[in-house]
Protein backbone atom coordinates (compact mmCIF):
# COMPACT_ATOMS: atom_id res chain seq x y z
CA MET A 1 17.47 -10.93 20.59
CA GLY A 2 14.34 -9.87 18.72
CA PRO A 3 13.31 -10.61 15.12
CA ILE A 4 15.30 -9.62 12.04
CA ILE A 5 13.43 -7.81 9.25
CA LEU A 6 14.79 -7.73 5.69
CA THR A 7 13.23 -5.17 3.34
CA SER A 8 13.94 -3.29 0.13
CA LYS A 9 13.02 0.19 1.35
CA LEU A 10 11.41 1.69 4.43
CA PHE A 11 11.42 5.40 3.64
CA GLY A 12 9.70 7.09 0.72
CA PHE A 13 6.38 8.05 -0.86
CA GLY A 14 4.99 4.61 -1.66
CA GLY A 15 2.42 2.55 0.18
CA ILE A 16 4.75 -0.43 0.57
CA GLU A 17 7.33 1.75 2.32
CA ARG A 18 4.68 3.08 4.68
CA PHE A 19 3.43 -0.45 5.37
CA GLY A 20 7.00 -1.50 6.14
CA ARG A 21 7.35 1.32 8.65
CA GLN A 22 4.09 0.25 10.31
CA ILE A 23 5.28 -3.34 10.60
CA THR A 24 8.64 -2.24 11.99
CA LYS A 25 6.95 0.02 14.53
CA ALA A 26 4.55 -2.71 15.69
CA VAL A 27 7.31 -5.29 16.00
CA SER A 28 9.71 -2.91 17.77
CA ASP A 29 7.04 -1.78 20.24
CA HIS A 30 6.38 -5.38 21.24
CA ALA A 31 10.09 -6.17 21.38
CA SER A 32 10.58 -3.23 23.72
CA GLU A 33 8.14 -4.75 26.17
CA LYS A 34 10.30 -7.88 26.21
CA SER A 35 13.61 -5.98 26.39
CA GLN A 36 14.55 -7.26 22.95
CA GLN A 37 16.12 -5.49 19.99
CA VAL A 38 14.74 -5.65 16.45
CA THR A 39 17.31 -5.59 13.65
CA VAL A 40 16.29 -4.20 10.24
CA PHE A 41 18.30 -4.51 7.02
CA THR A 42 17.04 -2.16 4.29
CA LEU A 43 18.55 -2.45 0.83
CA MET A 44 17.78 0.89 -0.84
CA ASP A 45 17.63 3.41 2.03
CA LYS A 46 20.58 5.65 2.79
CA ALA A 47 21.63 6.32 6.37
CA ASN A 48 21.69 10.09 5.85
CA GLU A 49 18.00 10.00 4.82
CA ILE A 50 16.85 8.51 8.11
CA GLN A 51 15.42 10.84 10.74
CA ALA A 52 16.46 10.23 14.33
CA ASN A 53 12.89 9.90 15.58
CA ASP A 54 11.60 7.49 12.93
CA PHE A 55 11.96 4.49 15.22
CA ASP A 56 12.71 3.78 18.85
CA GLU A 57 16.31 3.26 19.92
CA ILE A 58 15.76 -0.50 20.21
CA VAL A 59 15.66 -0.79 16.40
CA ASN A 60 19.08 -1.60 14.97
CA LEU A 61 18.67 -0.05 11.51
CA ASN A 62 21.16 -1.04 8.79
CA CYS A 63 20.98 0.89 5.50
CA PHE A 64 22.88 -0.12 2.36
CA GLY A 65 22.03 2.61 -0.18
CA GLY A 66 21.44 0.13 -2.98
CA ASN A 67 24.61 -1.94 -2.44
CA ARG A 68 23.14 -5.39 -3.02
CA PHE A 69 26.37 -7.29 -2.37
CA LEU A 70 26.85 -5.80 1.10
CA PHE A 71 23.15 -6.16 1.88
CA ILE A 72 23.22 -9.89 1.06
CA VAL A 73 26.51 -10.61 2.82
CA LYS A 74 25.80 -8.73 6.04
CA SER A 75 22.18 -9.83 6.41
CA ALA A 76 23.12 -13.46 5.69
CA PHE A 77 25.94 -13.29 8.26
CA GLN A 78 23.57 -11.89 10.89
CA ILE A 79 20.96 -14.55 10.22
CA LEU A 80 23.50 -17.36 10.25
CA PHE A 81 25.28 -16.51 13.50
CA TYR A 82 22.58 -14.82 15.58
CA PRO A 83 19.66 -17.27 15.92
CA THR A 84 16.23 -15.63 15.79
CA VAL A 85 13.22 -15.47 13.47
CA VAL A 86 13.56 -13.62 10.15
CA PHE A 87 10.76 -11.75 8.39
CA THR A 88 11.48 -10.97 4.73
CA PHE A 89 9.16 -8.14 3.72
CA HIS A 90 9.65 -8.68 -0.02
CA LEU A 91 9.51 -11.89 -2.02
CA HIS A 92 12.69 -11.15 -3.96
CA ILE A 93 14.64 -10.95 -0.68
CA ALA A 94 13.33 -14.28 0.66
CA PRO A 95 16.05 -16.41 -1.04
CA ILE A 96 18.60 -14.96 1.42
CA ALA A 97 16.76 -16.54 4.33
CA TYR A 98 16.16 -19.76 2.42
CA LEU A 99 19.83 -20.23 1.52
CA VAL A 100 20.92 -19.59 5.11
CA LYS A 101 18.37 -22.15 6.27
CA LEU A 102 20.15 -24.75 4.14
CA LEU A 103 23.20 -24.12 6.34
CA ARG A 104 21.23 -23.75 9.58
CA PRO A 105 18.09 -25.91 9.26
CA LYS A 106 16.63 -24.70 12.58
CA LEU A 107 16.26 -21.17 11.21
CA LYS A 108 12.65 -19.96 11.10
CA TYR A 109 11.64 -17.36 8.54
CA GLY A 110 8.55 -15.80 7.02
CA VAL A 111 7.79 -14.10 3.71
CA HIS A 112 5.35 -11.28 2.97
CA LEU A 113 3.54 -11.10 -0.36
CA HIS A 114 2.47 -7.62 -1.41
CA GLY A 115 0.59 -8.41 -4.59
CA ILE A 116 1.24 -8.82 -8.28
CA GLU A 117 4.76 -10.24 -7.78
CA ALA A 118 3.13 -13.43 -6.43
CA TRP A 119 0.17 -13.72 -8.82
CA PHE A 120 2.10 -15.81 -11.34
CA PRO A 121 4.04 -19.08 -11.26
CA LEU A 122 7.44 -18.51 -9.70
CA SER A 123 10.64 -20.37 -10.49
CA GLY A 124 14.06 -21.00 -9.03
CA LEU A 125 15.04 -19.68 -5.63
CA ARG A 126 12.01 -17.45 -5.16
CA LYS A 127 9.60 -20.34 -5.52
CA LYS A 128 11.69 -22.54 -3.25
CA ALA A 129 12.05 -19.80 -0.66
CA LEU A 130 8.28 -19.33 -0.62
CA GLN A 131 7.50 -23.03 -0.39
CA GLU A 132 9.99 -23.62 2.44
CA ALA A 133 8.97 -20.58 4.52
CA ASP A 134 7.74 -21.32 8.04
CA PHE A 135 4.96 -18.78 7.61
CA ILE A 136 3.66 -16.52 4.85
CA THR A 137 1.71 -13.27 5.11
CA SER A 138 -0.15 -11.45 2.36
CA SER A 139 -1.57 -7.94 1.97
CA SER A 140 -4.89 -9.33 0.72
CA LYS A 141 -6.88 -12.53 0.50
CA PHE A 142 -6.78 -12.24 -3.29
CA THR A 143 -2.98 -12.38 -3.28
CA ALA A 144 -2.99 -15.22 -0.75
CA ASP A 145 -5.34 -17.33 -2.86
CA LYS A 146 -3.70 -16.46 -6.17
CA SER A 147 -0.16 -17.19 -4.98
CA ALA A 148 -1.26 -20.48 -3.43
CA GLU A 149 -2.94 -21.53 -6.68
CA MET A 150 0.02 -20.58 -8.86
CA ASN A 151 2.82 -21.91 -6.66
CA GLN A 152 1.51 -25.08 -5.05
CA LEU A 153 1.10 -23.61 -1.57
CA ASP A 154 -1.29 -24.62 1.17
CA PRO A 155 -3.65 -21.62 1.53
CA GLU A 156 -3.96 -22.36 5.24
CA ARG A 157 -0.29 -21.43 5.67
CA ILE A 158 -0.90 -17.88 4.46
CA SER A 159 -2.13 -15.25 6.92
CA VAL A 160 -3.80 -12.13 5.53
CA LEU A 161 -1.96 -9.13 6.98
CA TYR A 162 -3.91 -6.06 5.89
CA PRO A 163 -2.10 -2.70 5.93
CA ALA A 164 -3.48 -0.05 8.23
CA LEU A 165 -3.16 3.67 8.76
CA ASP A 166 -0.99 4.39 11.77
CA ASP A 167 -2.35 6.59 14.54
CA GLU A 168 0.30 9.28 14.04
CA TRP A 169 -0.65 9.67 10.36
CA LEU A 170 -4.33 9.93 11.24
CA GLU A 171 -3.70 12.52 13.95
CA LYS A 172 -1.56 14.61 11.63
CA MET A 173 -3.67 14.36 8.48
CA LEU A 174 -7.31 14.41 9.50
CA PRO A 175 -9.11 17.78 9.37
CA GLU A 176 -9.08 18.45 13.11
CA SER A 177 -5.26 18.33 13.08
CA ALA A 178 -4.48 19.56 9.58
CA GLY A 179 -5.72 23.07 10.22
CA PHE A 180 -8.87 23.29 8.12
CA ASP A 181 -12.57 22.95 8.64
CA GLN A 182 -13.92 19.42 8.34
CA ASP A 183 -17.19 20.80 7.00
CA GLN A 184 -15.42 22.77 4.28
CA LYS A 185 -17.52 22.59 1.11
CA THR A 186 -16.00 21.53 -2.16
CA LYS A 187 -15.82 24.56 -4.44
CA LYS A 188 -15.59 22.40 -7.52
CA THR A 189 -16.47 18.82 -8.37
CA MET A 190 -13.15 17.04 -7.95
CA LEU A 191 -11.97 13.51 -8.67
CA LEU A 192 -8.73 12.55 -6.93
CA THR A 193 -6.05 9.94 -7.59
CA VAL A 194 -2.88 9.53 -5.53
CA ALA A 195 -0.32 7.21 -7.13
CA ARG A 196 3.23 6.71 -8.32
CA LEU A 197 3.21 7.47 -12.05
CA SER A 198 5.54 4.73 -13.26
CA VAL A 199 5.64 3.12 -16.70
CA PHE A 200 5.56 -0.18 -14.80
CA ASP A 201 2.24 0.82 -13.18
CA LYS A 202 0.20 1.68 -16.27
CA ARG A 203 -2.60 -0.62 -15.14
CA LYS A 204 -3.52 1.70 -12.28
CA GLY A 205 -6.17 3.02 -14.63
CA ILE A 206 -5.29 6.71 -14.54
CA ASP A 207 -5.32 6.90 -18.32
CA LEU A 208 -8.80 5.34 -18.32
CA VAL A 209 -10.11 8.04 -15.96
CA ILE A 210 -8.62 10.73 -18.22
CA GLN A 211 -10.43 9.16 -21.18
CA ALA A 212 -13.68 9.26 -19.21
CA ILE A 213 -13.38 12.99 -18.50
CA PRO A 214 -14.82 14.44 -21.76
CA ASP A 215 -18.15 12.66 -21.29
CA LEU A 216 -18.27 13.49 -17.57
CA ILE A 217 -17.70 17.19 -18.23
CA GLY A 218 -20.90 17.22 -20.26
CA LYS A 219 -22.82 16.12 -17.16
CA PHE A 220 -20.78 17.99 -14.54
CA PRO A 221 -19.46 21.22 -16.12
CA ASP A 222 -17.22 22.16 -13.15
CA LEU A 223 -15.53 18.74 -12.98
CA GLU A 224 -11.77 18.60 -12.39
CA TYR A 225 -9.45 15.62 -12.04
CA VAL A 226 -6.45 15.99 -9.72
CA ILE A 227 -3.58 13.48 -9.87
CA VAL A 228 -1.03 13.55 -7.05
CA GLY A 229 2.26 11.76 -7.65
CA SER A 230 5.17 11.75 -10.04
CA GLY A 231 7.11 9.32 -12.20
CA ASP A 232 8.30 8.48 -15.69
CA ASP A 233 4.78 7.84 -17.04
CA LEU A 234 3.84 11.49 -16.55
CA PRO A 235 4.62 12.60 -20.15
CA ARG A 236 2.33 9.91 -21.60
CA LEU A 237 -0.53 10.90 -19.30
CA LYS A 238 -0.09 14.61 -20.02
CA SER A 239 -0.04 13.90 -23.75
CA LEU A 240 -3.27 11.92 -23.43
CA ALA A 241 -4.98 14.81 -21.63
CA ASN A 242 -3.77 17.22 -24.32
CA ASN A 243 -4.96 14.99 -27.16
CA LEU A 244 -8.41 14.77 -25.57
CA GLU A 245 -8.39 18.55 -25.02
CA VAL A 246 -9.00 18.19 -21.28
CA GLN A 247 -5.63 19.53 -20.16
CA ASP A 248 -7.40 22.39 -18.37
CA ARG A 249 -9.43 19.86 -16.34
CA VAL A 250 -6.70 17.33 -15.52
CA HIS A 251 -4.16 18.64 -13.00
CA PHE A 252 -0.86 16.86 -12.30
CA GLU A 253 0.29 18.05 -8.88
CA GLY A 254 3.46 15.95 -8.53
CA GLY A 255 4.81 15.18 -5.07
CA ILE A 256 3.27 17.38 -2.40
CA SER A 257 3.47 17.89 1.36
CA ASP A 258 1.32 15.91 3.78
CA ASN A 259 -0.67 19.03 4.59
CA GLU A 260 -1.40 19.68 0.91
CA LEU A 261 -2.36 16.03 0.44
CA ALA A 262 -4.75 16.25 3.39
CA ARG A 263 -6.42 19.26 1.78
CA TYR A 264 -6.95 17.37 -1.48
CA TYR A 265 -8.43 14.39 0.33
CA GLN A 266 -10.72 16.67 2.29
CA SER A 267 -11.93 18.71 -0.70
CA CYS A 268 -12.34 15.95 -3.31
CA SER A 269 -15.77 14.58 -4.20
CA LEU A 270 -14.50 11.02 -4.51
CA PHE A 271 -11.30 8.99 -4.79
CA ILE A 272 -10.75 6.96 -7.94
CA MET A 273 -8.08 4.50 -9.05
CA PRO A 274 -9.58 1.66 -11.13
CA SER A 275 -6.39 -0.40 -10.96
CA SER A 276 -6.00 -4.07 -11.83
CA GLN A 277 -2.63 -4.54 -10.13
CA GLU A 278 -3.00 -3.47 -6.50
CA GLY A 279 -1.93 -5.77 -3.70
CA LEU A 280 -4.34 -3.71 -1.64
CA GLY A 281 -3.69 0.03 -1.99
CA ILE A 282 -3.08 2.18 1.08
CA VAL A 283 -4.30 5.26 -0.79
CA TYR A 284 -7.81 3.82 -0.76
CA LEU A 285 -7.58 3.58 3.03
CA GLU A 286 -6.41 7.19 3.21
CA ALA A 287 -9.47 8.33 1.25
CA MET A 288 -11.70 6.24 3.53
CA ALA A 289 -10.14 7.99 6.54
CA PHE A 290 -11.53 11.23 5.10
CA SER A 291 -14.94 9.57 4.58
CA LYS A 292 -14.77 9.74 0.79
CA PRO A 293 -16.47 7.33 -1.63
CA VAL A 294 -13.92 5.10 -3.36
CA ILE A 295 -13.92 3.73 -6.91
CA SER A 296 -11.36 0.94 -7.29
CA GLY A 297 -10.62 -1.95 -9.63
CA ALA A 298 -12.60 -5.17 -9.45
CA TYR A 299 -9.46 -7.31 -9.82
CA GLY A 300 -6.70 -7.74 -7.25
CA GLY A 301 -6.51 -6.83 -3.60
CA SER A 302 -8.25 -3.49 -4.09
CA SER A 303 -11.52 -5.38 -4.52
CA GLU A 304 -11.37 -6.10 -0.76
CA VAL A 305 -11.30 -2.40 0.12
CA VAL A 306 -14.71 -1.46 -1.28
CA ILE A 307 -18.19 -2.76 -0.46
CA PRO A 308 -19.86 -2.35 -3.89
CA GLY A 309 -22.83 -0.01 -3.77
CA GLU A 310 -22.23 0.78 -0.08
CA SER A 311 -18.81 2.45 0.18
CA GLY A 312 -18.06 2.91 -3.51
CA TYR A 313 -17.85 0.89 -6.72
CA LEU A 314 -15.61 -1.79 -8.25
CA ILE A 315 -14.74 -1.29 -11.94
CA PRO A 316 -13.66 -4.01 -14.38
CA TYR A 317 -10.34 -3.04 -15.93
CA ASN A 318 -10.45 -1.07 -19.18
CA ASP A 319 -14.19 -0.35 -18.86
CA ILE A 320 -14.47 3.40 -19.44
CA PRO A 321 -18.30 3.41 -19.58
CA ALA A 322 -18.34 1.70 -16.15
CA ILE A 323 -16.07 4.47 -14.81
CA GLN A 324 -18.40 7.14 -16.20
CA LYS A 325 -21.45 5.39 -14.75
CA ALA A 326 -19.92 4.97 -11.27
CA VAL A 327 -18.63 8.54 -11.10
CA SER A 328 -21.98 9.91 -12.29
CA ALA A 329 -23.91 7.87 -9.73
CA ILE A 330 -21.87 9.37 -6.89
CA LEU A 331 -21.67 12.95 -8.12
CA ALA A 332 -25.37 13.13 -8.92
CA ASP A 333 -26.45 12.24 -5.38
CA ASN A 334 -24.79 14.09 -2.50
CA ASP A 335 -26.67 12.05 0.08
CA LYS A 336 -25.48 8.80 -1.45
CA ALA A 337 -21.90 10.12 -1.60
CA SER A 338 -22.01 11.07 2.07
CA LYS A 339 -23.38 7.68 3.14
CA MET A 340 -20.79 5.85 1.05
CA GLY A 341 -18.01 7.86 2.63
CA GLN A 342 -19.29 7.12 6.13
CA ARG A 343 -19.60 3.41 5.36
CA GLY A 344 -16.06 3.33 4.03
CA ASN A 345 -14.77 5.07 7.15
CA LEU A 346 -16.51 2.48 9.33
CA LEU A 347 -14.99 -0.32 7.26
CA LEU A 348 -11.56 1.23 7.75
CA GLN A 349 -12.00 1.26 11.52
CA GLU A 350 -13.30 -2.32 11.64
CA LYS A 351 -11.05 -4.10 9.16
CA PHE A 352 -7.93 -2.06 8.43
CA ASN A 353 -6.85 -0.90 11.86
CA GLN A 354 -3.41 -0.89 13.45
CA ASN A 355 -4.33 -3.20 16.32
CA ASN A 356 -5.45 -5.96 13.94
CA MET A 357 -2.26 -5.65 11.91
CA ALA A 358 0.02 -5.65 14.98
CA SER A 359 -1.69 -8.62 16.65
CA ILE A 360 -1.30 -10.80 13.54
CA ILE A 361 2.42 -10.17 12.98
CA ILE A 362 3.22 -10.42 16.67
CA ALA A 363 1.39 -13.75 16.97
CA LEU A 364 3.41 -15.10 14.04
CA LEU A 365 6.81 -13.88 15.19
CA TRP A 366 6.90 -14.34 18.94
CA PRO A 367 6.03 -18.00 19.36
CA ILE A 368 9.16 -18.60 17.28
CA VAL A 369 11.30 -15.96 19.00
């Protein structure tokens, strides 16, 4: 029997869901070579939302549609009576594995830390589950170090498991496959953000970029700011744009198709999301795949995505003048923008690739399996 993966959600728009699919694919591919079956328990997904070709047949996918009671009972039963290693892909799910380990001490389990959920002192079962885990992975070194500091963990026990862009996504999305010319010139000066617009994610810095727009328009008269994504913070952001009288320059595109997203990545001048709460931020990697300069936040895992001055800029949170300065520096120099985009693309290939990600998780899981 192969590993068991416990996760909140595998299918959807968010970066964590995509990362979960990448992990599942890497683990299932390796299990297939060993004639093993990977079992996945996903709390929020519904069986009728799953496409037949999402994973190989060797993945035993169990969806619970938000039924927490059934998710806990069935996953705990599987872990208790079918000995294997368990990988909990979310901190809040880790207590299930920890409690089962109290009944079956030989159980081996790991916990993945995505970001902000582990940047503060934990308490109760979550803290205990993290401290007793046989291995811990983290989406960034920042999160690894911060969680170790706040929760009395040995940093050496935490492996940095960077997300990557899977080959299928790259083949489908990049200009050669998406059906448009890679050398297509930008008709207008465009800033791009791709994010979930949730009231819980206000620190992504989208409102700060909107506040920077009036000054930037004075320097770059054709400037437009495109925001892809939807959520319950949309009314606040729209109201802000209206109050600043830049509603004709700030475009909220909502959820769009992959092909439309590819076109925005290709045609934008730069990608910007000066967030202070990212575990890493797969959208930065997507922009780097299109060789675009990236402006990210200087705090959190996103600081590991950008080489300051070489592939983009890091912005302290809530620093609107710094946003204006960074954007201006890129837009005013096409040669610099091009070199930054190329450097970011090289960084993506070297540091955030699928082979690196797969080798790390496989090395952690299979000595135990």
